Amino acid sequence: MGRSLRITLFVLLLLVVLIFGLTVGRQVFLSSSEPAPAPDLSQYNTYVYDQPRELAEFTLTNEQGETVTRDSLKGRWTFVFVGYTNCPDICPAAMANLRRTNSLLPAELPQPDYLLVTADPEHDTPEKLKAYTGFFGENFHGLTGDLETLRAVAKSVSAVFVHREVDGQLLVDHSGHFALLNPQGKLQALIQPPHKPEELVQAYERIYQWAKANDPRASGA
């Protein structure tokens, strides 16, 4: 075999190896850069969005009398519940489950906020929300404001509420699920009842670990 032929074959072999290496490297890069699909948490009655959903823009008032907008919810994980302080059954149980969940969270997880979006703004003033949410913990907060804005916020987290009068008393029929917002202030997951605090902790941890693997900003506060 002539010298020039050997050189030609050697160059061709190098090209084959190079092309193979680039192909494999590209596949590895693509597979590692593609976000992992959302975890299946149906055993916890939880649906996780692959692509988090934007909330409606809003301007409301919190339990401190401060103005709150959509951007105010950025920076932390937040559990959202639509209810009202005079609720006779669903709301006290839901809030108690959130308080228990909060007490069970491991210290290494980001500590979330818990937000009650009122479905009864006529009665739920900032002062009343402060007394109500403060009973459950310092990271429990409330939002009130005009009825239509509250309806829009509720719709953003797939919740609805309807006012009705029974024996002269206002009752509000409303959704019973929790919504979980990520640190970008977007809807990341819906958690349907029945709610068990131990399972809420597990669902939150799974969602957080998945989100952090796809986006370092998921760490939150």
N, C-alpha and C. Protein backbone atom coordinates (compact mmCIF):
# COMPACT_ATOMS: atom_id res chain seq x y z
N MET A 1 0.86 -1.20 0.00
CA MET A 1 0.00 0.00 0.00
C MET A 1 0.89 1.24 0.00
N GLY A 2 0.62 2.15 -0.92
CA GLY A 2 1.44 3.33 -1.03
C GLY A 2 1.23 4.28 0.13
N ARG A 3 2.25 5.13 0.32
CA ARG A 3 2.20 6.09 1.43
C ARG A 3 1.00 7.03 1.31
N SER A 4 0.76 7.53 0.10
CA SER A 4 -0.35 8.48 -0.10
C SER A 4 -1.69 7.82 0.18
N LEU A 5 -1.83 6.54 -0.17
CA LEU A 5 -3.08 5.83 0.09
C LEU A 5 -3.31 5.66 1.58
N ARG A 6 -2.21 5.34 2.29
CA ARG A 6 -2.34 5.18 3.75
C ARG A 6 -2.75 6.50 4.40
N ILE A 7 -2.19 7.58 3.93
CA ILE A 7 -2.55 8.89 4.48
C ILE A 7 -4.01 9.20 4.21
N THR A 8 -4.43 8.89 2.98
CA THR A 8 -5.84 9.14 2.62
C THR A 8 -6.78 8.33 3.50
N LEU A 9 -6.47 7.06 3.69
CA LEU A 9 -7.32 6.21 4.54
C LEU A 9 -7.32 6.71 5.98
N PHE A 10 -6.17 7.17 6.45
CA PHE A 10 -6.07 7.67 7.82
C PHE A 10 -6.95 8.92 8.00
N VAL A 11 -6.88 9.80 7.01
CA VAL A 11 -7.70 11.02 7.07
C VAL A 11 -9.18 10.68 7.05
N LEU A 12 -9.55 9.73 6.18
CA LEU A 12 -10.96 9.32 6.12
C LEU A 12 -11.42 8.72 7.43
N LEU A 13 -10.55 7.92 8.06
CA LEU A 13 -10.88 7.32 9.35
C LEU A 13 -11.08 8.40 10.41
N LEU A 14 -10.21 9.40 10.39
CA LEU A 14 -10.35 10.51 11.34
C LEU A 14 -11.67 11.24 11.13
N LEU A 15 -12.04 11.43 9.86
CA LEU A 15 -13.30 12.12 9.56
C LEU A 15 -14.49 11.32 10.07
N VAL A 16 -14.45 10.00 9.88
CA VAL A 16 -15.54 9.14 10.36
C VAL A 16 -15.65 9.24 11.88
N VAL A 17 -14.50 9.16 12.57
CA VAL A 17 -14.51 9.24 14.03
C VAL A 17 -15.04 10.60 14.48
N LEU A 18 -14.61 11.68 13.79
CA LEU A 18 -15.05 13.02 14.15
C LEU A 18 -16.55 13.18 13.97
N ILE A 19 -17.06 12.71 12.81
CA ILE A 19 -18.50 12.81 12.55
C ILE A 19 -19.29 12.02 13.58
N PHE A 20 -18.80 10.82 13.89
CA PHE A 20 -19.49 9.99 14.89
C PHE A 20 -19.51 10.70 16.24
N GLY A 21 -18.36 11.27 16.61
CA GLY A 21 -18.29 11.96 17.90
C GLY A 21 -19.21 13.15 17.97
N LEU A 22 -19.26 13.92 16.87
CA LEU A 22 -20.16 15.08 16.85
C LEU A 22 -21.61 14.66 16.92
N THR A 23 -21.96 13.58 16.23
CA THR A 23 -23.35 13.10 16.24
C THR A 23 -23.76 12.65 17.63
N VAL A 24 -22.92 11.85 18.27
CA VAL A 24 -23.22 11.37 19.62
C VAL A 24 -23.27 12.54 20.59
N GLY A 25 -22.30 13.46 20.45
CA GLY A 25 -22.28 14.61 21.35
C GLY A 25 -23.52 15.47 21.22
N ARG A 26 -23.98 15.66 19.98
CA ARG A 26 -25.19 16.45 19.75
C ARG A 26 -26.40 15.79 20.39
N GLN A 27 -26.50 14.46 20.24
CA GLN A 27 -27.63 13.75 20.83
C GLN A 27 -27.60 13.84 22.34
N VAL A 28 -26.41 13.72 22.92
CA VAL A 28 -26.30 13.83 24.38
C VAL A 28 -26.68 15.23 24.84
N PHE A 29 -26.20 16.25 24.08
CA PHE A 29 -26.52 17.63 24.43
C PHE A 29 -28.01 17.89 24.36
N LEU A 30 -28.64 17.42 23.28
CA LEU A 30 -30.07 17.65 23.12
C LEU A 30 -30.86 16.94 24.19
N SER A 31 -30.47 15.70 24.50
CA SER A 31 -31.21 14.95 25.51
C SER A 31 -31.05 15.57 26.89
N SER A 32 -29.87 16.16 27.14
CA SER A 32 -29.65 16.76 28.46
C SER A 32 -30.27 18.13 28.57
N SER A 33 -30.45 18.84 27.41
CA SER A 33 -30.99 20.19 27.46
C SER A 33 -32.51 20.20 27.39
N GLU A 34 -33.13 19.15 26.93
CA GLU A 34 -34.58 19.10 26.88
C GLU A 34 -35.14 18.95 28.29
N PRO A 35 -36.12 19.78 28.66
CA PRO A 35 -36.68 19.68 30.01
C PRO A 35 -37.38 18.34 30.23
N ALA A 36 -37.25 17.84 31.43
CA ALA A 36 -37.93 16.59 31.78
C ALA A 36 -39.43 16.85 31.84
N PRO A 37 -40.24 15.88 31.43
CA PRO A 37 -41.69 16.07 31.52
C PRO A 37 -42.14 16.20 32.96
N ALA A 38 -43.27 16.87 33.16
CA ALA A 38 -43.80 17.05 34.51
C ALA A 38 -44.07 15.69 35.15
N PRO A 39 -43.81 15.58 36.44
CA PRO A 39 -44.04 14.30 37.12
C PRO A 39 -45.52 13.96 37.19
N ASP A 40 -45.82 12.69 37.14
CA ASP A 40 -47.19 12.21 37.31
C ASP A 40 -47.45 12.07 38.80
N LEU A 41 -48.26 12.98 39.33
CA LEU A 41 -48.56 12.97 40.77
C LEU A 41 -50.04 12.69 41.01
N SER A 42 -50.62 11.89 40.14
CA SER A 42 -52.05 11.60 40.27
C SER A 42 -52.36 10.89 41.58
N GLN A 43 -51.37 10.19 42.15
CA GLN A 43 -51.62 9.52 43.43
C GLN A 43 -51.83 10.52 44.56
N TYR A 44 -51.43 11.78 44.31
CA TYR A 44 -51.64 12.85 45.28
C TYR A 44 -52.75 13.80 44.83
N ASN A 45 -53.56 13.39 43.87
CA ASN A 45 -54.63 14.23 43.32
C ASN A 45 -54.07 15.54 42.76
N THR A 46 -52.89 15.45 42.17
CA THR A 46 -52.18 16.65 41.74
C THR A 46 -51.89 16.59 40.24
N TYR A 47 -52.17 17.71 39.57
CA TYR A 47 -51.82 17.84 38.16
C TYR A 47 -50.75 18.92 38.04
N VAL A 48 -49.64 18.59 37.39
CA VAL A 48 -48.52 19.51 37.23
C VAL A 48 -48.45 19.97 35.77
N TYR A 49 -48.38 21.27 35.57
CA TYR A 49 -48.29 21.82 34.21
C TYR A 49 -46.85 21.74 33.70
N ASP A 50 -46.67 21.16 32.51
CA ASP A 50 -45.35 21.19 31.86
C ASP A 50 -44.93 22.63 31.60
N GLN A 51 -45.88 23.43 31.13
CA GLN A 51 -45.65 24.84 30.87
C GLN A 51 -46.51 25.65 31.85
N PRO A 52 -45.90 26.28 32.85
CA PRO A 52 -46.67 27.05 33.83
C PRO A 52 -47.52 28.12 33.16
N ARG A 53 -48.66 28.41 33.77
CA ARG A 53 -49.63 29.34 33.18
C ARG A 53 -49.56 30.71 33.85
N GLU A 54 -49.62 31.75 33.02
CA GLU A 54 -49.64 33.12 33.54
C GLU A 54 -50.96 33.39 34.25
N LEU A 55 -50.90 34.16 35.32
CA LEU A 55 -52.11 34.63 35.97
C LEU A 55 -52.62 35.87 35.26
N ALA A 56 -53.89 36.17 35.46
CA ALA A 56 -54.43 37.43 34.95
C ALA A 56 -53.76 38.58 35.69
N GLU A 57 -53.58 39.70 35.00
CA GLU A 57 -53.05 40.88 35.69
C GLU A 57 -54.11 41.39 36.66
N PHE A 58 -53.66 41.86 37.81
CA PHE A 58 -54.62 42.33 38.81
C PHE A 58 -53.97 43.35 39.74
N THR A 59 -54.83 44.11 40.40
CA THR A 59 -54.42 44.99 41.49
C THR A 59 -55.41 44.77 42.62
N LEU A 60 -54.93 44.22 43.73
CA LEU A 60 -55.78 43.91 44.87
C LEU A 60 -55.10 44.42 46.14
N THR A 61 -55.71 44.14 47.28
CA THR A 61 -55.19 44.61 48.57
C THR A 61 -54.99 43.42 49.49
N ASN A 62 -53.85 43.40 50.17
CA ASN A 62 -53.61 42.28 51.09
C ASN A 62 -54.10 42.60 52.50
N GLU A 63 -53.83 41.68 53.42
CA GLU A 63 -54.34 41.82 54.79
C GLU A 63 -53.69 42.97 55.55
N GLN A 64 -52.60 43.50 55.01
CA GLN A 64 -51.93 44.65 55.63
C GLN A 64 -52.41 45.98 55.03
N GLY A 65 -53.34 45.90 54.08
CA GLY A 65 -53.79 47.11 53.41
C GLY A 65 -52.87 47.56 52.30
N GLU A 66 -51.93 46.70 51.90
CA GLU A 66 -50.96 47.04 50.87
C GLU A 66 -51.46 46.59 49.49
N THR A 67 -51.07 47.34 48.47
CA THR A 67 -51.42 46.98 47.10
C THR A 67 -50.60 45.78 46.64
N VAL A 68 -51.27 44.83 46.03
CA VAL A 68 -50.63 43.62 45.53
C VAL A 68 -50.97 43.47 44.05
N THR A 69 -49.96 43.18 43.24
CA THR A 69 -50.17 42.91 41.82
C THR A 69 -49.65 41.51 41.50
N ARG A 70 -49.78 41.15 40.25
CA ARG A 70 -49.28 39.84 39.82
C ARG A 70 -47.79 39.70 40.10
N ASP A 71 -47.05 40.78 39.88
CA ASP A 71 -45.60 40.73 40.10
C ASP A 71 -45.24 40.55 41.57
N SER A 72 -46.15 40.92 42.47
CA SER A 72 -45.88 40.78 43.90
C SER A 72 -45.74 39.32 44.31
N LEU A 73 -46.25 38.42 43.49
CA LEU A 73 -46.22 36.99 43.83
C LEU A 73 -44.94 36.30 43.35
N LYS A 74 -44.04 37.06 42.75
CA LYS A 74 -42.79 36.47 42.27
C LYS A 74 -41.79 36.34 43.42
N GLY A 75 -40.93 35.35 43.31
CA GLY A 75 -39.85 35.19 44.27
C GLY A 75 -40.04 34.08 45.28
N ARG A 76 -41.27 33.57 45.39
CA ARG A 76 -41.54 32.50 46.36
C ARG A 76 -42.54 31.51 45.76
N TRP A 77 -42.50 30.29 46.25
CA TRP A 77 -43.57 29.35 45.97
C TRP A 77 -44.77 29.76 46.82
N THR A 78 -45.97 29.62 46.25
CA THR A 78 -47.17 30.06 46.96
C THR A 78 -48.31 29.08 46.73
N PHE A 79 -48.91 28.63 47.82
CA PHE A 79 -50.16 27.86 47.75
C PHE A 79 -51.31 28.86 47.78
N VAL A 80 -52.23 28.73 46.83
CA VAL A 80 -53.37 29.64 46.73
C VAL A 80 -54.66 28.86 46.96
N PHE A 81 -55.55 29.47 47.76
CA PHE A 81 -56.86 28.87 48.00
C PHE A 81 -57.90 29.97 47.88
N VAL A 82 -58.98 29.69 47.16
CA VAL A 82 -60.08 30.64 47.01
C VAL A 82 -61.16 30.27 48.01
N GLY A 83 -61.48 31.19 48.92
CA GLY A 83 -62.48 30.92 49.95
C GLY A 83 -62.90 32.21 50.62
N TYR A 84 -63.41 32.12 51.84
CA TYR A 84 -63.81 33.34 52.55
C TYR A 84 -63.86 33.06 54.04
N THR A 85 -63.74 34.11 54.83
CA THR A 85 -63.55 33.94 56.27
C THR A 85 -64.80 33.44 56.99
N ASN A 86 -65.98 33.72 56.43
CA ASN A 86 -67.22 33.24 57.06
C ASN A 86 -67.62 31.85 56.60
N CYS A 87 -66.79 31.21 55.82
CA CYS A 87 -67.07 29.87 55.31
C CYS A 87 -67.25 28.90 56.48
N PRO A 88 -68.34 28.16 56.52
CA PRO A 88 -68.62 27.32 57.69
C PRO A 88 -67.91 25.97 57.72
N ASP A 89 -67.39 25.50 56.57
CA ASP A 89 -66.88 24.13 56.58
C ASP A 89 -65.61 23.93 55.75
N ILE A 90 -65.69 24.13 54.44
CA ILE A 90 -64.57 23.80 53.57
C ILE A 90 -63.32 24.61 53.92
N CYS A 91 -63.50 25.91 54.10
CA CYS A 91 -62.33 26.79 54.30
C CYS A 91 -61.57 26.50 55.59
N PRO A 92 -62.24 26.37 56.74
CA PRO A 92 -61.47 26.06 57.95
C PRO A 92 -60.67 24.77 57.82
N ALA A 93 -61.26 23.76 57.19
CA ALA A 93 -60.55 22.49 57.01
C ALA A 93 -59.37 22.66 56.06
N ALA A 94 -59.58 23.40 54.97
CA ALA A 94 -58.51 23.61 54.00
C ALA A 94 -57.35 24.39 54.61
N MET A 95 -57.68 25.44 55.35
CA MET A 95 -56.62 26.25 55.96
C MET A 95 -55.87 25.46 57.03
N ALA A 96 -56.59 24.63 57.76
CA ALA A 96 -55.93 23.79 58.77
C ALA A 96 -54.99 22.79 58.11
N ASN A 97 -55.39 22.27 56.95
CA ASN A 97 -54.51 21.35 56.22
C ASN A 97 -53.25 22.06 55.74
N LEU A 98 -53.40 23.30 55.31
CA LEU A 98 -52.23 24.06 54.88
C LEU A 98 -51.30 24.36 56.06
N ARG A 99 -51.89 24.69 57.19
CA ARG A 99 -51.06 24.95 58.38
C ARG A 99 -50.30 23.70 58.78
N ARG A 100 -50.95 22.55 58.74
CA ARG A 100 -50.28 21.30 59.08
C ARG A 100 -49.19 20.98 58.05
N THR A 101 -49.49 21.22 56.79
CA THR A 101 -48.49 21.03 55.74
C THR A 101 -47.26 21.89 56.00
N ASN A 102 -47.50 23.14 56.35
CA ASN A 102 -46.40 24.06 56.63
C ASN A 102 -45.51 23.55 57.76
N SER A 103 -46.12 22.96 58.76
CA SER A 103 -45.36 22.47 59.91
C SER A 103 -44.56 21.21 59.58
N LEU A 104 -44.95 20.49 58.52
CA LEU A 104 -44.29 19.23 58.16
C LEU A 104 -43.19 19.41 57.12
N LEU A 105 -43.08 20.58 56.52
CA LEU A 105 -42.11 20.77 55.45
C LEU A 105 -40.68 20.67 55.96
N PRO A 106 -39.84 19.89 55.28
CA PRO A 106 -38.43 19.82 55.66
C PRO A 106 -37.76 21.18 55.51
N ALA A 107 -36.79 21.45 56.37
CA ALA A 107 -36.12 22.75 56.36
C ALA A 107 -35.38 23.02 55.06
N GLU A 108 -34.96 21.96 54.35
CA GLU A 108 -34.18 22.16 53.13
C GLU A 108 -35.04 22.57 51.94
N LEU A 109 -36.36 22.50 52.07
CA LEU A 109 -37.24 22.95 50.99
C LEU A 109 -37.52 24.44 51.14
N PRO A 110 -37.74 25.16 50.01
CA PRO A 110 -38.15 26.56 50.11
C PRO A 110 -39.47 26.65 50.88
N GLN A 111 -39.52 27.53 51.85
CA GLN A 111 -40.74 27.68 52.65
C GLN A 111 -41.72 28.57 51.89
N PRO A 112 -42.88 28.05 51.54
CA PRO A 112 -43.82 28.80 50.70
C PRO A 112 -44.68 29.77 51.50
N ASP A 113 -45.37 30.62 50.77
CA ASP A 113 -46.44 31.43 51.34
C ASP A 113 -47.76 30.71 51.09
N TYR A 114 -48.78 31.12 51.84
CA TYR A 114 -50.12 30.56 51.70
C TYR A 114 -51.07 31.74 51.54
N LEU A 115 -51.83 31.75 50.46
CA LEU A 115 -52.62 32.92 50.10
C LEU A 115 -54.09 32.58 49.98
N LEU A 116 -54.91 33.24 50.79
CA LEU A 116 -56.36 33.10 50.70
C LEU A 116 -56.90 34.23 49.83
N VAL A 117 -57.44 33.89 48.68
CA VAL A 117 -58.09 34.86 47.80
C VAL A 117 -59.57 34.84 48.14
N THR A 118 -60.07 35.95 48.67
CA THR A 118 -61.44 35.93 49.16
C THR A 118 -62.46 35.89 48.03
N ALA A 119 -63.53 35.17 48.28
CA ALA A 119 -64.67 35.12 47.37
C ALA A 119 -65.82 35.97 47.93
N ASP A 120 -65.54 36.71 49.01
CA ASP A 120 -66.56 37.53 49.67
C ASP A 120 -65.95 38.87 50.08
N PRO A 121 -65.61 39.72 49.10
CA PRO A 121 -64.92 40.97 49.43
C PRO A 121 -65.78 41.95 50.21
N GLU A 122 -67.10 41.81 50.13
CA GLU A 122 -67.97 42.73 50.87
C GLU A 122 -67.72 42.63 52.37
N HIS A 123 -67.47 41.43 52.85
CA HIS A 123 -67.26 41.22 54.28
C HIS A 123 -65.78 41.06 54.64
N ASP A 124 -64.99 40.55 53.71
CA ASP A 124 -63.58 40.28 54.01
C ASP A 124 -62.72 41.51 53.75
N THR A 125 -62.71 42.40 54.73
CA THR A 125 -61.85 43.58 54.68
C THR A 125 -60.41 43.16 54.99
N PRO A 126 -59.44 44.03 54.73
CA PRO A 126 -58.07 43.70 55.11
C PRO A 126 -57.93 43.36 56.59
N GLU A 127 -58.65 44.09 57.43
CA GLU A 127 -58.57 43.83 58.87
C GLU A 127 -59.09 42.43 59.22
N LYS A 128 -60.19 42.06 58.58
CA LYS A 128 -60.75 40.74 58.87
C LYS A 128 -59.85 39.63 58.33
N LEU A 129 -59.29 39.85 57.16
CA LEU A 129 -58.36 38.86 56.61
C LEU A 129 -57.11 38.73 57.47
N LYS A 130 -56.65 39.85 58.02
CA LYS A 130 -55.45 39.81 58.86
C LYS A 130 -55.69 38.95 60.10
N ALA A 131 -56.84 39.15 60.74
CA ALA A 131 -57.16 38.36 61.93
C ALA A 131 -57.31 36.89 61.58
N TYR A 132 -57.92 36.62 60.44
CA TYR A 132 -58.19 35.24 60.05
C TYR A 132 -56.92 34.51 59.63
N THR A 133 -56.17 35.08 58.72
CA THR A 133 -54.97 34.40 58.23
C THR A 133 -53.87 34.35 59.29
N GLY A 134 -53.83 35.37 60.14
CA GLY A 134 -52.80 35.39 61.18
C GLY A 134 -52.93 34.25 62.16
N PHE A 135 -54.12 33.72 62.30
CA PHE A 135 -54.34 32.58 63.19
C PHE A 135 -53.57 31.35 62.71
N PHE A 136 -53.37 31.24 61.40
CA PHE A 136 -52.74 30.04 60.84
C PHE A 136 -51.22 30.14 60.74
N GLY A 137 -50.69 31.35 60.73
CA GLY A 137 -49.24 31.49 60.68
C GLY A 137 -48.82 32.79 60.03
N GLU A 138 -47.56 33.17 60.26
CA GLU A 138 -47.08 34.45 59.74
C GLU A 138 -46.90 34.45 58.23
N ASN A 139 -46.79 33.29 57.62
CA ASN A 139 -46.66 33.24 56.16
C ASN A 139 -48.00 32.95 55.48
N PHE A 140 -49.10 33.18 56.21
CA PHE A 140 -50.45 33.09 55.64
C PHE A 140 -50.94 34.51 55.38
N HIS A 141 -51.47 34.72 54.17
CA HIS A 141 -51.87 36.06 53.76
C HIS A 141 -53.24 36.01 53.08
N GLY A 142 -53.82 37.19 52.87
CA GLY A 142 -55.13 37.26 52.23
C GLY A 142 -55.16 38.35 51.18
N LEU A 143 -56.05 38.19 50.21
CA LEU A 143 -56.26 39.20 49.18
C LEU A 143 -57.73 39.54 49.08
N THR A 144 -58.02 40.82 48.98
CA THR A 144 -59.38 41.28 48.78
C THR A 144 -59.37 42.42 47.76
N GLY A 145 -60.56 42.86 47.35
CA GLY A 145 -60.65 43.91 46.34
C GLY A 145 -62.00 43.87 45.67
N ASP A 146 -62.07 44.35 44.43
CA ASP A 146 -63.37 44.34 43.75
C ASP A 146 -63.69 42.93 43.25
N LEU A 147 -64.98 42.65 43.21
CA LEU A 147 -65.45 41.30 42.95
C LEU A 147 -64.99 40.75 41.61
N GLU A 148 -65.06 41.56 40.57
CA GLU A 148 -64.71 41.07 39.24
C GLU A 148 -63.23 40.74 39.11
N THR A 149 -62.39 41.54 39.75
CA THR A 149 -60.96 41.23 39.72
C THR A 149 -60.68 39.93 40.46
N LEU A 150 -61.36 39.74 41.57
CA LEU A 150 -61.19 38.49 42.33
C LEU A 150 -61.66 37.29 41.51
N ARG A 151 -62.74 37.47 40.77
CA ARG A 151 -63.20 36.38 39.90
C ARG A 151 -62.15 36.05 38.84
N ALA A 152 -61.52 37.09 38.29
CA ALA A 152 -60.50 36.86 37.26
C ALA A 152 -59.29 36.13 37.83
N VAL A 153 -58.89 36.51 39.04
CA VAL A 153 -57.76 35.83 39.68
C VAL A 153 -58.13 34.37 39.97
N ALA A 154 -59.35 34.17 40.47
CA ALA A 154 -59.80 32.80 40.73
C ALA A 154 -59.79 31.97 39.44
N LYS A 155 -60.26 32.56 38.36
CA LYS A 155 -60.27 31.84 37.08
C LYS A 155 -58.86 31.48 36.65
N SER A 156 -57.89 32.35 36.95
CA SER A 156 -56.50 32.09 36.59
C SER A 156 -55.95 30.85 37.24
N VAL A 157 -56.50 30.50 38.41
CA VAL A 157 -56.05 29.30 39.11
C VAL A 157 -57.11 28.20 39.02
N SER A 158 -57.93 28.29 37.97
CA SER A 158 -58.95 27.28 37.66
C SER A 158 -59.99 27.13 38.76
N ALA A 159 -60.28 28.22 39.46
CA ALA A 159 -61.29 28.20 40.53
C ALA A 159 -62.48 29.08 40.15
N VAL A 160 -63.62 28.77 40.71
CA VAL A 160 -64.83 29.57 40.51
C VAL A 160 -65.53 29.73 41.85
N PHE A 161 -66.37 30.76 41.94
CA PHE A 161 -67.22 30.89 43.12
C PHE A 161 -68.54 31.55 42.72
N VAL A 162 -69.59 31.20 43.43
CA VAL A 162 -70.94 31.68 43.15
C VAL A 162 -71.59 32.11 44.45
N HIS A 163 -72.17 33.32 44.46
CA HIS A 163 -72.88 33.82 45.64
C HIS A 163 -74.34 33.37 45.60
N ARG A 164 -74.84 33.00 46.75
CA ARG A 164 -76.27 32.71 46.88
C ARG A 164 -76.71 33.06 48.30
N GLU A 165 -78.00 33.35 48.42
CA GLU A 165 -78.54 33.74 49.72
C GLU A 165 -79.44 32.65 50.26
N VAL A 166 -79.21 32.25 51.49
CA VAL A 166 -80.00 31.22 52.15
C VAL A 166 -80.49 31.78 53.48
N ASP A 167 -81.82 31.90 53.61
CA ASP A 167 -82.41 32.44 54.84
C ASP A 167 -81.81 33.79 55.21
N GLY A 168 -81.61 34.62 54.20
CA GLY A 168 -81.08 35.95 54.44
C GLY A 168 -79.59 36.02 54.69
N GLN A 169 -78.90 34.90 54.57
CA GLN A 169 -77.46 34.87 54.83
C GLN A 169 -76.71 34.54 53.55
N LEU A 170 -75.62 35.26 53.32
CA LEU A 170 -74.81 35.01 52.13
C LEU A 170 -74.00 33.74 52.30
N LEU A 171 -74.14 32.86 51.33
CA LEU A 171 -73.28 31.68 51.26
C LEU A 171 -72.56 31.72 49.91
N VAL A 172 -71.35 31.23 49.90
CA VAL A 172 -70.55 31.23 48.68
C VAL A 172 -70.14 29.80 48.35
N ASP A 173 -70.60 29.33 47.20
CA ASP A 173 -70.12 28.04 46.70
C ASP A 173 -68.82 28.30 45.94
N HIS A 174 -67.79 27.54 46.26
CA HIS A 174 -66.49 27.81 45.63
C HIS A 174 -65.69 26.52 45.46
N SER A 175 -64.70 26.59 44.61
CA SER A 175 -63.82 25.44 44.38
C SER A 175 -63.06 25.10 45.66
N GLY A 176 -62.65 23.84 45.76
CA GLY A 176 -61.97 23.40 46.97
C GLY A 176 -60.52 23.01 46.78
N HIS A 177 -59.96 23.24 45.59
CA HIS A 177 -58.59 22.80 45.35
C HIS A 177 -57.58 23.87 45.76
N PHE A 178 -56.33 23.45 45.86
CA PHE A 178 -55.21 24.37 46.06
C PHE A 178 -54.51 24.55 44.71
N ALA A 179 -54.05 25.76 44.47
CA ALA A 179 -53.19 26.04 43.32
C ALA A 179 -51.79 26.34 43.84
N LEU A 180 -50.79 25.85 43.14
CA LEU A 180 -49.40 26.10 43.53
C LEU A 180 -48.75 26.99 42.48
N LEU A 181 -48.28 28.17 42.92
CA LEU A 181 -47.57 29.09 42.04
C LEU A 181 -46.07 28.92 42.22
N ASN A 182 -45.34 28.99 41.12
CA ASN A 182 -43.89 28.89 41.20
C ASN A 182 -43.28 30.27 41.48
N PRO A 183 -41.96 30.37 41.68
CA PRO A 183 -41.36 31.68 42.00
C PRO A 183 -41.42 32.71 40.88
N GLN A 184 -41.86 32.32 39.69
CA GLN A 184 -42.11 33.30 38.64
C GLN A 184 -43.55 33.82 38.70
N GLY A 185 -44.29 33.41 39.73
CA GLY A 185 -45.66 33.85 39.90
C GLY A 185 -46.63 33.20 38.94
N LYS A 186 -46.25 32.04 38.38
CA LYS A 186 -47.10 31.35 37.42
C LYS A 186 -47.71 30.09 38.04
N LEU A 187 -48.85 29.70 37.51
CA LEU A 187 -49.54 28.50 37.99
C LEU A 187 -48.76 27.26 37.58
N GLN A 188 -48.26 26.52 38.57
CA GLN A 188 -47.44 25.33 38.30
C GLN A 188 -48.22 24.04 38.48
N ALA A 189 -49.18 24.03 39.43
CA ALA A 189 -49.89 22.77 39.71
C ALA A 189 -51.23 23.05 40.37
N LEU A 190 -52.13 22.09 40.22
CA LEU A 190 -53.43 22.09 40.90
C LEU A 190 -53.51 20.85 41.77
N ILE A 191 -53.95 21.03 43.00
CA ILE A 191 -54.02 19.91 43.95
C ILE A 191 -55.47 19.79 44.42
N GLN A 192 -56.12 18.72 44.01
CA GLN A 192 -57.54 18.54 44.29
C GLN A 192 -57.75 17.87 45.66
N PRO A 193 -58.90 18.14 46.28
CA PRO A 193 -59.22 17.43 47.53
C PRO A 193 -59.59 15.97 47.23
N PRO A 194 -59.55 15.11 48.27
CA PRO A 194 -59.23 15.42 49.67
C PRO A 194 -57.75 15.70 49.86
N HIS A 195 -57.46 16.62 50.79
CA HIS A 195 -56.08 17.02 51.03
C HIS A 195 -55.55 16.38 52.31
N LYS A 196 -54.43 15.71 52.17
CA LYS A 196 -53.74 15.13 53.32
C LYS A 196 -52.39 15.82 53.44
N PRO A 197 -52.11 16.47 54.56
CA PRO A 197 -50.87 17.24 54.69
C PRO A 197 -49.62 16.45 54.33
N GLU A 198 -49.54 15.20 54.74
CA GLU A 198 -48.35 14.40 54.42
C GLU A 198 -48.17 14.25 52.91
N GLU A 199 -49.28 14.09 52.20
CA GLU A 199 -49.20 13.96 50.74
C GLU A 199 -48.94 15.31 50.08
N LEU A 200 -49.44 16.38 50.68
CA LEU A 200 -49.15 17.71 50.15
C LEU A 200 -47.65 18.00 50.21
N VAL A 201 -47.03 17.59 51.30
CA VAL A 201 -45.58 17.78 51.44
C VAL A 201 -44.85 17.00 50.35
N GLN A 202 -45.23 15.75 50.14
CA GLN A 202 -44.57 14.93 49.13
C GLN A 202 -44.77 15.50 47.73
N ALA A 203 -45.99 15.95 47.44
CA ALA A 203 -46.27 16.53 46.13
C ALA A 203 -45.44 17.80 45.92
N TYR A 204 -45.41 18.65 46.92
CA TYR A 204 -44.64 19.90 46.82
C TYR A 204 -43.16 19.61 46.59
N GLU A 205 -42.61 18.66 47.32
CA GLU A 205 -41.19 18.34 47.17
C GLU A 205 -40.90 17.80 45.77
N ARG A 206 -41.77 16.93 45.26
CA ARG A 206 -41.57 16.37 43.92
C ARG A 206 -41.63 17.48 42.87
N ILE A 207 -42.60 18.36 43.01
CA ILE A 207 -42.74 19.46 42.04
C ILE A 207 -41.53 20.38 42.10
N TYR A 208 -41.10 20.70 43.32
CA TYR A 208 -39.95 21.59 43.48
C TYR A 208 -38.69 20.98 42.87
N GLN A 209 -38.42 19.71 43.16
CA GLN A 209 -37.21 19.08 42.64
C GLN A 209 -37.24 19.01 41.11
N TRP A 210 -38.40 18.71 40.55
CA TRP A 210 -38.53 18.68 39.09
C TRP A 210 -38.31 20.07 38.50
N ALA A 211 -38.96 21.08 39.09
CA ALA A 211 -38.85 22.44 38.57
C ALA A 211 -37.42 22.95 38.68
N LYS A 212 -36.75 22.66 39.78
CA LYS A 212 -35.37 23.13 39.98
C LYS A 212 -34.42 22.49 38.97
N ALA A 213 -34.66 21.22 38.64
CA ALA A 213 -33.82 20.53 37.66
C ALA A 213 -33.94 21.17 36.28
N ASN A 214 -35.11 21.73 35.98
CA ASN A 214 -35.34 22.35 34.68
C ASN A 214 -35.00 23.84 34.66
N ASP A 215 -35.07 24.49 35.83
CA ASP A 215 -34.87 25.94 35.89
C ASP A 215 -34.36 26.32 37.28
N PRO A 216 -33.10 26.76 37.40
CA PRO A 216 -32.55 27.11 38.71
C PRO A 216 -33.34 28.20 39.43
N ARG A 217 -34.12 28.99 38.68
CA ARG A 217 -34.91 30.05 39.32
C ARG A 217 -36.02 29.49 40.19
N ALA A 218 -36.28 28.20 40.08
CA ALA A 218 -37.36 27.57 40.85
C ALA A 218 -37.06 27.50 42.33
N SER A 219 -35.81 27.76 42.72
CA SER A 219 -35.44 27.65 44.13
C SER A 219 -36.27 28.58 45.00
N GLY A 220 -36.54 29.78 44.52
CA GLY A 220 -37.35 30.71 45.29
C GLY A 220 -36.65 31.11 46.57
N ALA A 221 -37.44 31.71 47.49
CA ALA A 221 -36.87 32.20 48.75
C ALA A 221 -36.79 31.07 49.76
